[in-house]
Amino acid sequence: MPGSASTRTEFALQRTEEMLAENLALCSRIRTAVEAADRLMKIDPPSFEGRRAG
């Protein structure tokens, strides 16, 4: 089958690009969530007064 290795390579490249795009989008969403949590912590930090471990 001529070209089958090329077809597999093209498919692998396309899937790799899709996975990279998905990972970048996920990274962006995580970064946004972390930044939002950081802003909330600055606005209203949690109080640990009167709490003990255990």
Protein backbone atom coordinates (compact mmCIF):
# COMPACT_ATOMS: atom_id res chain seq x y z
CA MET A 1 0.00 0.00 0.00
CA PRO A 2 1.90 3.08 -1.15
CA GLY A 3 1.38 6.09 1.01
CA SER A 4 -0.05 4.29 4.04
CA ALA A 5 2.90 5.27 6.24
CA SER A 6 2.50 8.83 5.04
CA THR A 7 -1.21 8.70 5.81
CA ARG A 8 -0.50 7.42 9.33
CA THR A 9 2.13 10.10 9.81
CA GLU A 10 -0.28 12.82 8.68
CA PHE A 11 -2.98 11.46 10.98
CA ALA A 12 -0.53 11.32 13.91
CA LEU A 13 0.58 14.88 13.22
CA GLN A 14 -3.01 16.11 13.04
CA ARG A 15 -3.91 14.34 16.29
CA THR A 16 -0.80 15.72 17.98
CA GLU A 17 -1.77 19.24 16.94
CA GLU A 18 -5.31 18.70 18.25
CA MET A 19 -4.00 17.38 21.56
CA LEU A 20 -1.63 20.34 21.86
CA ALA A 21 -4.49 22.77 21.23
CA GLU A 22 -6.61 20.98 23.86
CA ASN A 23 -3.76 21.10 26.37
CA LEU A 24 -3.17 24.80 25.74
CA ALA A 25 -6.88 25.52 26.22
CA LEU A 26 -6.90 23.52 29.45
CA CYS A 27 -3.79 25.30 30.66
CA SER A 28 -5.45 28.64 29.99
CA ARG A 29 -8.56 27.60 31.93
CA ILE A 30 -6.46 26.41 34.87
CA ARG A 31 -4.45 29.63 34.86
CA THR A 32 -7.67 31.66 34.87
CA ALA A 33 -9.01 29.63 37.82
CA VAL A 34 -5.76 30.03 39.76
CA GLU A 35 -5.69 33.77 39.12
CA ALA A 36 -9.34 34.07 40.22
CA ALA A 37 -8.60 32.11 43.41
CA ASP A 38 -5.59 34.34 44.06
CA ARG A 39 -7.76 37.46 43.70
CA LEU A 40 -10.34 36.00 46.09
CA MET A 41 -7.65 35.20 48.64
CA LYS A 42 -6.45 38.82 48.50
CA ILE A 43 -9.99 40.15 48.88
CA ASP A 44 -11.08 37.76 51.67
CA PRO A 45 -8.27 35.65 53.08
CA PRO A 46 -9.37 32.65 55.14
CA SER A 47 -9.21 33.04 58.89
CA PHE A 48 -7.56 30.25 60.84
CA GLU A 49 -8.01 31.85 64.27
CA GLY A 50 -9.23 29.39 66.86
CA ARG A 51 -8.64 26.38 64.63
CA ARG A 52 -6.19 23.65 65.51
CA ALA A 53 -4.99 20.69 63.50
CA GLY A 54 -6.38 17.37 64.68
